[in-house]
Amino acid sequence: MSVSVTLIGRDGCHLCDDARAIVLDVVSRHDGIAFCEVSIDDDEALANRYREEIPVVLIDNEVHNFWRIDADRLDRALTERIRP
C-alpha cells in the first residue's frame, strides 16, 4: 500500500523548517511513502485555507497535524497506514 505525505508551508517560516526536518526523518524510516512539499505562496487556494495553520502535514490528503509536528505521532500514524 502506498501512502502520501504532504507538507504545506512557505519560505522563511521557521516552524516549516522544523517540520520539514521531522517529516523527512520520519518518512525515511518507512518504505512506500511518497513525500511532497507545497508552498502556500504558490497556491492561492492553499493560502486561503491554511495561512494561519502552517506548517500542515497531510497524510493521504487528510490533515494529520499543524503548527508543531510531533515525530512519534507522525511515525505511529504512518505505521498504522502501512500495516493496518
Protein backbone atom coordinates (compact mmCIF):
# COMPACT_ATOMS: atom_id res chain seq x y z
CA MET A 1 0.00 0.00 0.00
CA SER A 2 1.40 3.40 -0.89
CA VAL A 3 0.92 6.34 1.45
CA SER A 4 1.43 10.01 0.62
CA VAL A 5 2.68 12.68 2.99
CA THR A 6 2.40 16.34 2.05
CA LEU A 7 4.00 19.22 3.92
CA ILE A 8 2.30 22.56 3.34
CA GLY A 9 4.37 25.58 4.32
CA ARG A 10 6.18 28.61 2.99
CA ASP A 11 9.67 30.02 2.64
CA GLY A 12 11.00 31.90 5.66
CA CYS A 13 8.83 30.01 8.14
CA HIS A 14 10.96 28.58 10.97
CA LEU A 15 8.20 26.20 12.05
CA CYS A 16 8.07 24.93 8.46
CA ASP A 17 11.82 24.33 8.51
CA ASP A 18 11.48 22.39 11.77
CA ALA A 19 8.54 20.40 10.39
CA ARG A 20 10.44 19.57 7.17
CA ALA A 21 13.31 18.06 9.14
CA ILE A 22 10.95 15.98 11.29
CA VAL A 23 8.81 14.79 8.37
CA LEU A 24 11.80 13.85 6.22
CA ASP A 25 13.34 11.91 9.10
CA VAL A 26 10.13 10.01 9.84
CA VAL A 27 9.34 9.32 6.17
CA SER A 28 12.86 7.94 5.66
CA ARG A 29 12.08 5.20 8.22
CA HIS A 30 9.31 3.74 6.06
CA ASP A 31 9.15 2.17 2.61
CA GLY A 32 6.39 3.09 0.20
CA ILE A 33 5.83 6.67 1.38
CA ALA A 34 5.54 9.36 -1.27
CA PHE A 35 6.57 12.78 0.07
CA CYS A 36 5.93 16.18 -1.47
CA GLU A 37 6.13 19.73 -0.23
CA VAL A 38 3.99 22.62 -1.40
CA SER A 39 4.10 26.31 -0.58
CA ILE A 40 1.07 28.45 0.18
CA ASP A 41 2.96 31.20 -1.67
CA ASP A 42 2.43 29.27 -4.92
CA ASP A 43 -1.23 28.35 -4.47
CA GLU A 44 -3.90 30.89 -3.55
CA ALA A 45 -6.43 28.22 -2.55
CA LEU A 46 -3.94 26.63 -0.14
CA ALA A 47 -3.04 30.06 1.22
CA ASN A 48 -6.70 30.85 1.88
CA ARG A 49 -7.27 27.52 3.60
CA TYR A 50 -4.06 27.06 5.62
CA ARG A 51 -2.47 30.51 6.04
CA GLU A 52 -2.94 30.55 9.84
CA GLU A 53 -2.03 26.88 10.38
CA ILE A 54 1.27 26.30 8.56
CA PRO A 55 3.09 24.07 8.64
CA VAL A 56 0.43 21.49 7.89
CA VAL A 57 1.09 17.79 7.36
CA LEU A 58 -1.36 15.79 5.29
CA ILE A 59 -1.42 12.01 5.13
CA ASP A 60 -3.24 10.77 2.05
CA ASN A 61 -4.67 14.29 1.61
CA GLU A 62 -6.16 14.40 5.12
CA VAL A 63 -4.86 16.81 7.77
CA HIS A 64 -2.69 14.93 10.24
CA ASN A 65 -1.31 17.86 12.23
CA PHE A 66 -0.34 21.52 12.03
CA TRP A 67 1.95 24.09 13.69
CA ARG A 68 4.24 21.84 15.72
CA ILE A 69 4.79 18.40 14.25
CA ASP A 70 5.41 15.52 16.66
CA ALA A 71 7.74 12.86 15.21
CA ASP A 72 6.38 9.99 17.33
CA ARG A 73 2.77 10.79 16.48
CA LEU A 74 3.58 11.00 12.76
CA ASP A 75 5.53 7.75 12.91
CA ARG A 76 2.62 5.96 14.60
CA ALA A 77 0.15 7.30 12.04
CA LEU A 78 2.30 6.15 9.13
CA THR A 79 2.88 2.74 10.69
CA GLU A 80 -0.88 2.30 11.10
CA ARG A 81 -1.48 3.27 7.45
CA ILE A 82 1.16 0.89 6.17
CA ARG A 83 0.33 -2.04 8.47
CA PRO A 84 -3.33 -1.80 9.43
